[in-house]
Amino acid sequence: MFHDTSSPNPFDSRPASPRGRRRGGPGHGGPGGHFRGGPARRGGRRQRRGDVRAAVLVLLEEQPRNGYQLIQELIERSDEAWRPSPGSIYPVLQQLEDEGLIEMTAEGTGRTYALTESGSALVEEQREQLGKPWESADGGTGVPGRELMGAARQVAMAAKLVMMAGTEAQVSRASVILAETRRSLYGILAEDDEA
């Protein structure tokens, strides 16, 4: 079984109960499996609980992961359009464990989750329905929108490097370029309004 031996992450810091399960965490709703909260998205939008469940099952089929790794993987695969919180991931992990679809292994302060045989069989049977929920987390933005956000992050990284390593003159030039870029972007919206 794979164990997460990296430094303790902030979401897996509480000790396991005797049964190795966590009760009453954020958003946990009890035996019925109903819990509040889904992965928060910018602008207050949330993914459906079914999407969280599907995403966890698909990711755990690839390899065992802890809760923090699941969150980071969903952020990365959705190009940051989906930023699930611990309060949305851990109740789903608890429910899947209660259903016998995943199992948790604890070592120190780390918790690693993996599919059981039943969980693997379910994913294989429902692969098409499960899909890849993170691909629909852009709220209809589509590939162009994701490319734009990716480019914006690269520009931000470049600006940070100039600020850290550039001369005063270079930083000033970079500020002018960014100001011109901002005006150009607003100009695109103005063109759309006039069309």
N, C-alpha and C. Protein backbone atom coordinates (compact mmCIF):
# COMPACT_ATOMS: atom_id res chain seq x y z
N MET A 1 0.83 -1.20 0.00
CA MET A 1 0.00 0.00 0.00
C MET A 1 0.87 1.24 0.00
N PHE A 2 0.48 2.24 -0.77
CA PHE A 2 1.23 3.49 -0.87
C PHE A 2 0.96 4.33 0.35
N HIS A 3 2.00 4.88 0.92
CA HIS A 3 1.86 5.77 2.06
C HIS A 3 2.42 7.13 1.71
N ASP A 4 1.76 8.18 2.22
CA ASP A 4 2.28 9.52 2.01
C ASP A 4 3.28 9.81 3.12
N THR A 5 4.55 9.82 2.78
CA THR A 5 5.58 10.02 3.78
C THR A 5 6.15 11.43 3.72
N SER A 6 5.50 12.30 2.95
CA SER A 6 5.97 13.67 2.87
C SER A 6 5.64 14.39 4.17
N SER A 7 6.07 15.64 4.26
CA SER A 7 5.81 16.39 5.48
C SER A 7 4.32 16.50 5.71
N PRO A 8 3.88 16.54 6.97
CA PRO A 8 2.45 16.56 7.27
C PRO A 8 1.77 17.72 6.60
N ASN A 9 0.62 17.47 5.99
CA ASN A 9 -0.08 18.55 5.34
C ASN A 9 -1.14 19.10 6.27
N PRO A 10 -1.61 20.33 6.04
CA PRO A 10 -2.51 20.98 6.98
C PRO A 10 -3.87 20.34 7.07
N PHE A 11 -4.25 19.50 6.11
CA PHE A 11 -5.57 18.95 6.11
C PHE A 11 -5.63 17.58 6.78
N ASP A 12 -4.49 16.91 6.96
CA ASP A 12 -4.46 15.57 7.52
C ASP A 12 -3.76 15.56 8.88
N SER A 13 -3.95 16.61 9.66
CA SER A 13 -3.15 16.75 10.87
C SER A 13 -3.82 16.13 12.09
N ARG A 14 -5.14 15.82 12.00
CA ARG A 14 -5.79 15.29 13.19
C ARG A 14 -5.57 13.79 13.31
N PRO A 15 -5.43 13.29 14.54
CA PRO A 15 -5.20 11.85 14.71
C PRO A 15 -6.40 11.04 14.30
N ALA A 16 -6.15 9.82 13.85
CA ALA A 16 -7.24 8.95 13.42
C ALA A 16 -7.98 8.43 14.64
N SER A 17 -9.28 8.21 14.47
CA SER A 17 -10.07 7.59 15.52
C SER A 17 -9.75 6.11 15.55
N PRO A 18 -10.22 5.37 16.55
CA PRO A 18 -9.90 3.94 16.61
C PRO A 18 -10.25 3.18 15.35
N ARG A 19 -11.30 3.57 14.66
CA ARG A 19 -11.67 2.89 13.43
C ARG A 19 -10.96 3.49 12.22
N GLY A 20 -10.12 4.50 12.49
CA GLY A 20 -9.39 5.09 11.38
C GLY A 20 -10.24 6.03 10.56
N ARG A 21 -11.35 6.53 11.16
CA ARG A 21 -12.24 7.39 10.41
C ARG A 21 -12.49 8.67 11.18
N ARG A 22 -12.76 9.70 10.43
CA ARG A 22 -12.99 11.01 11.02
C ARG A 22 -14.47 11.29 11.03
N ARG A 23 -14.97 11.76 12.15
CA ARG A 23 -16.37 12.09 12.27
C ARG A 23 -16.55 13.57 12.56
N GLY A 24 -17.64 14.09 12.05
CA GLY A 24 -18.03 15.42 12.43
C GLY A 24 -17.16 16.53 11.89
N GLY A 25 -16.42 16.29 10.82
CA GLY A 25 -15.58 17.32 10.23
C GLY A 25 -16.43 18.35 9.52
N PRO A 26 -15.82 19.37 8.98
CA PRO A 26 -16.56 20.41 8.29
C PRO A 26 -17.43 19.83 7.19
N GLY A 27 -18.71 20.19 7.25
CA GLY A 27 -19.62 19.79 6.19
C GLY A 27 -20.14 18.37 6.30
N HIS A 28 -19.76 17.62 7.37
CA HIS A 28 -20.21 16.23 7.48
C HIS A 28 -21.64 16.22 7.95
N GLY A 29 -22.47 15.40 7.34
CA GLY A 29 -23.89 15.44 7.64
C GLY A 29 -24.43 14.20 8.26
N GLY A 30 -23.63 13.25 8.61
CA GLY A 30 -24.15 12.10 9.34
C GLY A 30 -24.43 10.92 8.47
N PRO A 31 -25.21 9.97 9.00
CA PRO A 31 -25.41 8.67 8.35
C PRO A 31 -25.99 8.75 6.97
N GLY A 32 -26.83 9.77 6.73
CA GLY A 32 -27.49 9.83 5.43
C GLY A 32 -26.56 10.21 4.31
N GLY A 33 -25.35 10.62 4.66
CA GLY A 33 -24.40 10.98 3.60
C GLY A 33 -24.69 12.34 3.01
N HIS A 34 -25.60 13.13 3.63
CA HIS A 34 -25.90 14.46 3.11
C HIS A 34 -25.02 15.46 3.85
N PHE A 35 -24.30 16.25 3.13
CA PHE A 35 -23.41 17.21 3.78
C PHE A 35 -23.42 18.48 2.97
N ARG A 36 -23.18 19.54 3.68
CA ARG A 36 -23.20 20.84 3.03
C ARG A 36 -21.88 21.09 2.34
N GLY A 37 -21.97 21.88 1.33
CA GLY A 37 -20.74 22.36 0.71
C GLY A 37 -20.28 21.51 -0.44
N GLY A 38 -19.77 22.16 -1.46
CA GLY A 38 -19.11 21.51 -2.58
C GLY A 38 -17.85 22.30 -2.82
N PRO A 39 -17.03 21.87 -3.76
CA PRO A 39 -15.79 22.59 -3.98
C PRO A 39 -16.05 24.01 -4.43
N ALA A 40 -15.51 24.94 -3.70
CA ALA A 40 -15.76 26.34 -4.01
C ALA A 40 -15.07 26.72 -5.30
N ARG A 41 -15.76 27.52 -6.08
CA ARG A 41 -15.19 28.02 -7.32
C ARG A 41 -15.22 29.54 -7.25
N ARG A 42 -14.32 30.18 -7.96
CA ARG A 42 -14.29 31.62 -7.94
C ARG A 42 -15.65 32.15 -8.33
N GLY A 43 -16.06 33.25 -7.65
CA GLY A 43 -17.37 33.78 -7.93
C GLY A 43 -18.45 33.08 -7.15
N GLY A 44 -18.11 32.21 -6.23
CA GLY A 44 -19.07 31.54 -5.37
C GLY A 44 -19.68 30.29 -5.98
N ARG A 45 -19.27 29.94 -7.18
CA ARG A 45 -19.85 28.77 -7.83
C ARG A 45 -19.29 27.49 -7.23
N ARG A 46 -20.12 26.44 -7.16
CA ARG A 46 -19.69 25.18 -6.58
C ARG A 46 -19.95 24.04 -7.56
N GLN A 47 -19.10 23.04 -7.50
CA GLN A 47 -19.35 21.82 -8.25
C GLN A 47 -20.37 20.98 -7.49
N ARG A 48 -21.14 20.19 -8.20
CA ARG A 48 -22.12 19.32 -7.55
C ARG A 48 -21.40 18.25 -6.73
N ARG A 49 -22.07 17.78 -5.67
CA ARG A 49 -21.48 16.74 -4.83
C ARG A 49 -21.17 15.49 -5.65
N GLY A 50 -22.03 15.21 -6.63
CA GLY A 50 -21.77 14.05 -7.48
C GLY A 50 -20.49 14.19 -8.27
N ASP A 51 -20.15 15.42 -8.65
CA ASP A 51 -18.91 15.67 -9.36
C ASP A 51 -17.71 15.42 -8.46
N VAL A 52 -17.82 15.83 -7.20
CA VAL A 52 -16.73 15.61 -6.25
C VAL A 52 -16.51 14.11 -6.07
N ARG A 53 -17.60 13.38 -5.89
CA ARG A 53 -17.52 11.93 -5.70
C ARG A 53 -16.86 11.28 -6.92
N ALA A 54 -17.32 11.65 -8.11
CA ALA A 54 -16.77 11.06 -9.34
C ALA A 54 -15.29 11.38 -9.48
N ALA A 55 -14.93 12.64 -9.19
CA ALA A 55 -13.53 13.04 -9.34
C ALA A 55 -12.63 12.27 -8.39
N VAL A 56 -13.07 12.10 -7.14
CA VAL A 56 -12.28 11.36 -6.16
C VAL A 56 -12.08 9.92 -6.60
N LEU A 57 -13.14 9.29 -7.07
CA LEU A 57 -13.04 7.89 -7.50
C LEU A 57 -12.07 7.76 -8.68
N VAL A 58 -12.18 8.65 -9.65
CA VAL A 58 -11.33 8.57 -10.84
C VAL A 58 -9.86 8.80 -10.47
N LEU A 59 -9.61 9.78 -9.62
CA LEU A 59 -8.23 10.08 -9.23
C LEU A 59 -7.62 8.95 -8.40
N LEU A 60 -8.42 8.35 -7.53
CA LEU A 60 -7.89 7.27 -6.71
C LEU A 60 -7.68 6.00 -7.52
N GLU A 61 -8.37 5.88 -8.65
CA GLU A 61 -8.10 4.72 -9.50
C GLU A 61 -6.70 4.82 -10.09
N GLU A 62 -6.25 6.04 -10.36
CA GLU A 62 -4.91 6.23 -10.93
C GLU A 62 -3.83 5.82 -9.92
N GLN A 63 -4.00 6.27 -8.69
CA GLN A 63 -3.04 5.94 -7.64
C GLN A 63 -3.59 6.39 -6.29
N PRO A 64 -3.14 5.79 -5.19
CA PRO A 64 -3.56 6.26 -3.87
C PRO A 64 -3.11 7.70 -3.65
N ARG A 65 -3.92 8.46 -2.97
CA ARG A 65 -3.60 9.86 -2.68
C ARG A 65 -4.14 10.24 -1.31
N ASN A 66 -3.56 11.28 -0.71
CA ASN A 66 -4.16 11.83 0.49
C ASN A 66 -5.08 12.98 0.10
N GLY A 67 -5.79 13.53 1.07
CA GLY A 67 -6.76 14.57 0.76
C GLY A 67 -6.13 15.79 0.13
N TYR A 68 -4.99 16.20 0.64
CA TYR A 68 -4.30 17.37 0.10
C TYR A 68 -3.92 17.15 -1.35
N GLN A 69 -3.43 15.95 -1.67
CA GLN A 69 -3.05 15.66 -3.05
C GLN A 69 -4.26 15.66 -3.97
N LEU A 70 -5.40 15.19 -3.50
CA LEU A 70 -6.62 15.21 -4.30
C LEU A 70 -7.01 16.65 -4.63
N ILE A 71 -6.95 17.51 -3.62
CA ILE A 71 -7.30 18.92 -3.83
C ILE A 71 -6.37 19.56 -4.85
N GLN A 72 -5.07 19.36 -4.67
CA GLN A 72 -4.10 19.96 -5.58
C GLN A 72 -4.24 19.43 -7.00
N GLU A 73 -4.55 18.14 -7.13
CA GLU A 73 -4.70 17.54 -8.45
C GLU A 73 -5.91 18.14 -9.18
N LEU A 74 -7.00 18.36 -8.47
CA LEU A 74 -8.20 18.94 -9.08
C LEU A 74 -7.96 20.39 -9.47
N ILE A 75 -7.23 21.12 -8.65
CA ILE A 75 -6.91 22.51 -9.00
C ILE A 75 -6.08 22.54 -10.28
N GLU A 76 -5.09 21.67 -10.35
CA GLU A 76 -4.20 21.65 -11.51
C GLU A 76 -4.92 21.19 -12.77
N ARG A 77 -5.70 20.12 -12.65
CA ARG A 77 -6.35 19.57 -13.86
C ARG A 77 -7.46 20.47 -14.38
N SER A 78 -8.07 21.26 -13.51
CA SER A 78 -9.11 22.19 -13.96
C SER A 78 -8.53 23.54 -14.34
N ASP A 79 -7.19 23.64 -14.33
CA ASP A 79 -6.52 24.90 -14.61
C ASP A 79 -7.01 25.98 -13.66
N GLU A 80 -7.17 25.60 -12.39
CA GLU A 80 -7.54 26.48 -11.28
C GLU A 80 -8.99 26.96 -11.35
N ALA A 81 -9.80 26.41 -12.25
CA ALA A 81 -11.21 26.78 -12.29
C ALA A 81 -11.97 26.14 -11.14
N TRP A 82 -11.47 25.03 -10.64
CA TRP A 82 -12.11 24.30 -9.55
C TRP A 82 -11.11 24.25 -8.40
N ARG A 83 -11.46 24.88 -7.29
CA ARG A 83 -10.58 24.92 -6.12
C ARG A 83 -11.33 24.32 -4.93
N PRO A 84 -11.41 22.99 -4.87
CA PRO A 84 -12.18 22.36 -3.79
C PRO A 84 -11.56 22.62 -2.43
N SER A 85 -12.42 22.69 -1.43
CA SER A 85 -11.96 22.93 -0.06
C SER A 85 -11.91 21.60 0.69
N PRO A 86 -11.16 21.55 1.80
CA PRO A 86 -11.17 20.33 2.63
C PRO A 86 -12.58 19.95 3.07
N GLY A 87 -13.44 20.96 3.29
CA GLY A 87 -14.80 20.70 3.72
C GLY A 87 -15.66 20.04 2.66
N SER A 88 -15.20 20.03 1.42
CA SER A 88 -15.96 19.33 0.37
C SER A 88 -15.35 17.97 0.04
N ILE A 89 -14.02 17.86 0.19
CA ILE A 89 -13.34 16.61 -0.14
C ILE A 89 -13.50 15.56 0.96
N TYR A 90 -13.26 15.95 2.20
CA TYR A 90 -13.21 14.95 3.27
C TYR A 90 -14.55 14.28 3.57
N PRO A 91 -15.67 15.00 3.51
CA PRO A 91 -16.95 14.28 3.69
C PRO A 91 -17.19 13.22 2.62
N VAL A 92 -16.76 13.50 1.38
CA VAL A 92 -16.90 12.52 0.31
C VAL A 92 -16.00 11.31 0.57
N LEU A 93 -14.78 11.57 1.02
CA LEU A 93 -13.88 10.46 1.36
C LEU A 93 -14.50 9.61 2.47
N GLN A 94 -15.11 10.26 3.47
CA GLN A 94 -15.74 9.53 4.56
C GLN A 94 -16.89 8.67 4.05
N GLN A 95 -17.70 9.25 3.17
CA GLN A 95 -18.84 8.51 2.64
C GLN A 95 -18.38 7.32 1.81
N LEU A 96 -17.38 7.52 0.96
CA LEU A 96 -16.87 6.43 0.14
C LEU A 96 -16.26 5.32 1.00
N GLU A 97 -15.64 5.72 2.10
CA GLU A 97 -15.08 4.72 3.01
C GLU A 97 -16.19 3.95 3.70
N ASP A 98 -17.25 4.66 4.11
CA ASP A 98 -18.40 3.99 4.74
C ASP A 98 -19.04 2.99 3.79
N GLU A 99 -19.01 3.29 2.49
CA GLU A 99 -19.61 2.42 1.48
C GLU A 99 -18.69 1.27 1.09
N GLY A 100 -17.47 1.27 1.62
CA GLY A 100 -16.54 0.20 1.31
C GLY A 100 -15.88 0.34 -0.05
N LEU A 101 -15.94 1.54 -0.63
CA LEU A 101 -15.36 1.75 -1.96
C LEU A 101 -13.90 2.20 -1.89
N ILE A 102 -13.51 2.81 -0.77
CA ILE A 102 -12.12 3.19 -0.57
C ILE A 102 -11.70 2.76 0.83
N GLU A 103 -10.39 2.70 1.04
CA GLU A 103 -9.86 2.40 2.36
C GLU A 103 -8.77 3.40 2.69
N MET A 104 -8.66 3.71 3.98
CA MET A 104 -7.69 4.69 4.43
C MET A 104 -6.58 4.00 5.20
N THR A 105 -5.36 4.39 4.92
CA THR A 105 -4.20 3.90 5.66
C THR A 105 -3.55 5.09 6.36
N ALA A 106 -3.34 4.98 7.66
CA ALA A 106 -2.75 6.06 8.44
C ALA A 106 -1.32 5.70 8.83
N GLU A 107 -0.45 6.68 8.69
CA GLU A 107 0.93 6.51 9.13
C GLU A 107 1.40 7.83 9.69
N GLY A 108 1.61 7.89 10.99
CA GLY A 108 1.93 9.15 11.63
C GLY A 108 0.74 10.08 11.53
N THR A 109 0.96 11.26 10.99
CA THR A 109 -0.14 12.22 10.81
C THR A 109 -0.70 12.19 9.40
N GLY A 110 -0.18 11.31 8.54
CA GLY A 110 -0.63 11.25 7.16
C GLY A 110 -1.73 10.21 6.97
N ARG A 111 -2.62 10.50 6.03
CA ARG A 111 -3.71 9.58 5.68
C ARG A 111 -3.71 9.40 4.17
N THR A 112 -3.66 8.19 3.73
CA THR A 112 -3.67 7.90 2.30
C THR A 112 -4.91 7.07 1.98
N TYR A 113 -5.58 7.42 0.89
CA TYR A 113 -6.80 6.74 0.48
C TYR A 113 -6.56 5.98 -0.82
N ALA A 114 -7.13 4.79 -0.91
CA ALA A 114 -7.00 3.96 -2.11
C ALA A 114 -8.32 3.24 -2.35
N LEU A 115 -8.57 2.88 -3.60
CA LEU A 115 -9.78 2.13 -3.92
C LEU A 115 -9.67 0.71 -3.38
N THR A 116 -10.81 0.20 -2.92
CA THR A 116 -10.90 -1.22 -2.58
C THR A 116 -11.23 -1.98 -3.87
N GLU A 117 -11.32 -3.29 -3.77
CA GLU A 117 -11.72 -4.08 -4.95
C GLU A 117 -13.10 -3.65 -5.42
N SER A 118 -14.01 -3.41 -4.48
CA SER A 118 -15.35 -2.96 -4.85
C SER A 118 -15.30 -1.61 -5.54
N GLY A 119 -14.44 -0.71 -5.03
CA GLY A 119 -14.32 0.61 -5.64
C GLY A 119 -13.77 0.53 -7.05
N SER A 120 -12.76 -0.31 -7.25
CA SER A 120 -12.18 -0.48 -8.59
C SER A 120 -13.21 -1.04 -9.56
N ALA A 121 -14.02 -1.99 -9.09
CA ALA A 121 -15.05 -2.58 -9.94
C ALA A 121 -16.10 -1.55 -10.31
N LEU A 122 -16.45 -0.68 -9.35
CA LEU A 122 -17.44 0.36 -9.62
C LEU A 122 -16.93 1.35 -10.66
N VAL A 123 -15.69 1.77 -10.51
CA VAL A 123 -15.12 2.73 -11.47
C VAL A 123 -15.06 2.11 -12.87
N GLU A 124 -14.68 0.86 -12.95
CA GLU A 124 -14.62 0.18 -14.24
C GLU A 124 -16.00 0.09 -14.88
N GLU A 125 -17.00 -0.18 -14.05
CA GLU A 125 -18.36 -0.34 -14.56
C GLU A 125 -18.98 1.00 -14.97
N GLN A 126 -18.63 2.07 -14.24
CA GLN A 126 -19.27 3.36 -14.48
C GLN A 126 -18.30 4.38 -15.09
N ARG A 127 -17.27 3.89 -15.74
CA ARG A 127 -16.22 4.79 -16.24
C ARG A 127 -16.79 5.91 -17.11
N GLU A 128 -17.70 5.57 -18.00
CA GLU A 128 -18.24 6.57 -18.91
C GLU A 128 -19.06 7.62 -18.17
N GLN A 129 -19.87 7.18 -17.18
CA GLN A 129 -20.68 8.12 -16.42
C GLN A 129 -19.82 9.01 -15.53
N LEU A 130 -18.76 8.44 -14.97
CA LEU A 130 -17.88 9.23 -14.10
C LEU A 130 -17.15 10.29 -14.88
N GLY A 131 -16.64 9.93 -16.06
CA GLY A 131 -15.97 10.89 -16.92
C GLY A 131 -14.77 11.55 -16.25
N LYS A 132 -14.57 12.83 -16.56
CA LYS A 132 -13.51 13.63 -15.97
C LYS A 132 -14.14 14.95 -15.50
N PRO A 133 -14.69 14.95 -14.31
CA PRO A 133 -15.47 16.12 -13.84
C PRO A 133 -14.72 17.44 -13.88
N TRP A 134 -13.40 17.40 -13.74
CA TRP A 134 -12.65 18.65 -13.73
C TRP A 134 -12.69 19.36 -15.07
N GLU A 135 -13.01 18.63 -16.14
CA GLU A 135 -13.06 19.25 -17.46
C GLU A 135 -14.29 20.14 -17.63
N SER A 136 -15.30 19.93 -16.81
CA SER A 136 -16.51 20.75 -16.89
C SER A 136 -16.52 21.83 -15.82
N ALA A 137 -15.42 21.98 -15.10
CA ALA A 137 -15.38 22.93 -13.98
C ALA A 137 -15.11 24.35 -14.41
N ASP A 138 -14.93 24.58 -15.72
CA ASP A 138 -14.64 25.94 -16.17
C ASP A 138 -15.91 26.74 -16.36
N GLY A 139 -17.09 26.11 -16.09
CA GLY A 139 -18.34 26.84 -16.18
C GLY A 139 -18.65 27.32 -17.58
N GLY A 140 -18.16 26.61 -18.58
CA GLY A 140 -18.45 27.00 -19.96
C GLY A 140 -17.39 27.91 -20.56
N THR A 141 -16.31 28.15 -19.82
CA THR A 141 -15.27 29.02 -20.35
C THR A 141 -14.64 28.42 -21.60
N GLY A 142 -14.38 27.11 -21.59
CA GLY A 142 -13.82 26.45 -22.75
C GLY A 142 -12.31 26.65 -22.86
N VAL A 143 -11.76 26.06 -23.91
CA VAL A 143 -10.31 26.08 -24.10
C VAL A 143 -9.75 27.49 -24.23
N PRO A 144 -10.37 28.40 -25.04
CA PRO A 144 -9.79 29.76 -25.14
C PRO A 144 -9.67 30.45 -23.79
N GLY A 145 -10.69 30.29 -22.95
CA GLY A 145 -10.65 30.92 -21.62
C GLY A 145 -9.54 30.36 -20.76
N ARG A 146 -9.36 29.03 -20.82
CA ARG A 146 -8.30 28.42 -20.04
C ARG A 146 -6.92 28.87 -20.54
N GLU A 147 -6.80 29.01 -21.88
CA GLU A 147 -5.53 29.47 -22.44
C GLU A 147 -5.24 30.91 -22.00
N LEU A 148 -6.29 31.74 -21.96
CA LEU A 148 -6.11 33.13 -21.53
C LEU A 148 -5.63 33.19 -20.08
N MET A 149 -6.25 32.40 -19.21
CA MET A 149 -5.85 32.40 -17.81
C MET A 149 -4.43 31.87 -17.64
N GLY A 150 -4.08 30.87 -18.45
CA GLY A 150 -2.72 30.35 -18.40
C GLY A 150 -1.71 31.42 -18.81
N ALA A 151 -2.04 32.16 -19.87
CA ALA A 151 -1.15 33.22 -20.34
C ALA A 151 -1.03 34.32 -19.29
N ALA A 152 -2.15 34.63 -18.62
CA ALA A 152 -2.14 35.67 -17.59
C ALA A 152 -1.23 35.28 -16.43
N ARG A 153 -1.26 34.01 -16.06
CA ARG A 153 -0.38 33.54 -14.98
C ARG A 153 1.09 33.63 -15.38
N GLN A 154 1.37 33.31 -16.65
CA GLN A 154 2.75 33.39 -17.12
C GLN A 154 3.25 34.84 -17.12
N VAL A 155 2.37 35.76 -17.50
CA VAL A 155 2.74 37.18 -17.47
C VAL A 155 3.00 37.63 -16.04
N ALA A 156 2.16 37.17 -15.13
CA ALA A 156 2.34 37.54 -13.72
C ALA A 156 3.68 37.02 -13.19
N MET A 157 4.04 35.80 -13.58
CA MET A 157 5.32 35.24 -13.16
C MET A 157 6.49 36.05 -13.73
N ALA A 158 6.37 36.43 -15.00
CA ALA A 158 7.43 37.22 -15.63
C ALA A 158 7.57 38.58 -14.94
N ALA A 159 6.43 39.19 -14.61
CA ALA A 159 6.47 40.49 -13.94
C ALA A 159 7.12 40.38 -12.57
N LYS A 160 6.84 39.29 -11.88
CA LYS A 160 7.45 39.09 -10.56
C LYS A 160 8.96 38.94 -10.67
N LEU A 161 9.42 38.22 -11.70
CA LEU A 161 10.85 38.05 -11.90
C LEU A 161 11.54 39.38 -12.20
N VAL A 162 10.88 40.20 -13.04
CA VAL A 162 11.45 41.51 -13.35
C VAL A 162 11.54 42.35 -12.08
N MET A 163 10.48 42.29 -11.26
CA MET A 163 10.46 43.07 -10.04
C MET A 163 11.57 42.64 -9.08
N MET A 164 11.83 41.32 -9.03
CA MET A 164 12.82 40.79 -8.11
C MET A 164 14.25 40.97 -8.60
N ALA A 165 14.47 40.80 -9.91
CA ALA A 165 15.84 40.78 -10.43
C ALA A 165 16.18 41.96 -11.32
N GLY A 166 15.19 42.74 -11.74
CA GLY A 166 15.45 43.82 -12.68
C GLY A 166 15.97 45.07 -12.01
N THR A 167 16.53 45.93 -12.84
CA THR A 167 16.96 47.24 -12.36
C THR A 167 15.74 48.14 -12.20
N GLU A 168 15.95 49.29 -11.61
CA GLU A 168 14.84 50.23 -11.43
C GLU A 168 14.26 50.64 -12.78
N ALA A 169 15.12 50.85 -13.76
CA ALA A 169 14.65 51.23 -15.10
C ALA A 169 13.85 50.10 -15.74
N GLN A 170 14.30 48.87 -15.57
CA GLN A 170 13.58 47.72 -16.15
C GLN A 170 12.22 47.53 -15.50
N VAL A 171 12.16 47.73 -14.20
CA VAL A 171 10.88 47.63 -13.50
C VAL A 171 9.91 48.71 -14.00
N SER A 172 10.41 49.90 -14.23
CA SER A 172 9.58 50.98 -14.74
C SER A 172 9.05 50.66 -16.13
N ARG A 173 9.92 50.12 -16.99
CA ARG A 173 9.49 49.73 -18.34
C ARG A 173 8.43 48.64 -18.28
N ALA A 174 8.62 47.68 -17.39
CA ALA A 174 7.65 46.59 -17.25
C ALA A 174 6.29 47.14 -16.81
N SER A 175 6.31 48.13 -15.92
CA SER A 175 5.05 48.74 -15.45
C SER A 175 4.31 49.41 -16.60
N VAL A 176 5.07 50.08 -17.48
CA VAL A 176 4.46 50.73 -18.64
C VAL A 176 3.84 49.70 -19.58
N ILE A 177 4.57 48.61 -19.81
CA ILE A 177 4.07 47.55 -20.70
C ILE A 177 2.78 46.95 -20.15
N LEU A 178 2.75 46.68 -18.86
CA LEU A 178 1.55 46.09 -18.25
C LEU A 178 0.37 47.06 -18.31
N ALA A 179 0.64 48.34 -18.10
CA ALA A 179 -0.44 49.33 -18.18
C ALA A 179 -1.01 49.38 -19.59
N GLU A 180 -0.13 49.34 -20.60
CA GLU A 180 -0.59 49.34 -21.99
C GLU A 180 -1.39 48.08 -22.30
N THR A 181 -0.92 46.94 -21.76
CA THR A 181 -1.63 45.67 -21.98
C THR A 181 -3.03 45.73 -21.37
N ARG A 182 -3.13 46.29 -20.17
CA ARG A 182 -4.44 46.40 -19.53
C ARG A 182 -5.40 47.24 -20.37
N ARG A 183 -4.90 48.37 -20.87
CA ARG A 183 -5.75 49.23 -21.71
C ARG A 183 -6.17 48.52 -22.99
N SER A 184 -5.25 47.73 -23.56
CA SER A 184 -5.58 46.99 -24.78
C SER A 184 -6.66 45.95 -24.53
N LEU A 185 -6.59 45.29 -23.37
CA LEU A 185 -7.60 44.28 -23.04
C LEU A 185 -8.98 44.92 -22.86
N TYR A 186 -9.02 46.05 -22.18
CA TYR A 186 -10.30 46.75 -22.05
C TYR A 186 -10.79 47.21 -23.43
N GLY A 187 -9.84 47.55 -24.31
CA GLY A 187 -10.23 47.96 -25.64
C GLY A 187 -10.92 46.86 -26.41
N ILE A 188 -10.51 45.61 -26.18
CA ILE A 188 -11.18 44.47 -26.84
C ILE A 188 -12.63 44.42 -26.44
N LEU A 189 -12.93 44.61 -25.17
CA LEU A 189 -14.32 44.60 -24.72
C LEU A 189 -15.10 45.76 -25.31
N ALA A 190 -14.46 46.90 -25.45
CA ALA A 190 -15.13 48.06 -26.05
C ALA A 190 -15.48 47.77 -27.51
N GLU A 191 -14.60 47.08 -28.21
CA GLU A 191 -14.89 46.72 -29.61
C GLU A 191 -16.10 45.81 -29.68
N ASP A 192 -16.18 44.85 -28.75
CA ASP A 192 -17.33 43.95 -28.74
C ASP A 192 -18.61 44.70 -28.50
N ASP A 193 -18.57 45.72 -27.61
CA ASP A 193 -19.76 46.49 -27.31
C ASP A 193 -20.24 47.28 -28.53
N GLU A 194 -19.27 47.72 -29.36
CA GLU A 194 -19.62 48.53 -30.51
C GLU A 194 -20.11 47.69 -31.68
N ALA A 195 -19.75 46.37 -31.69
CA ALA A 195 -20.11 45.51 -32.81
C ALA A 195 -21.60 45.27 -32.88
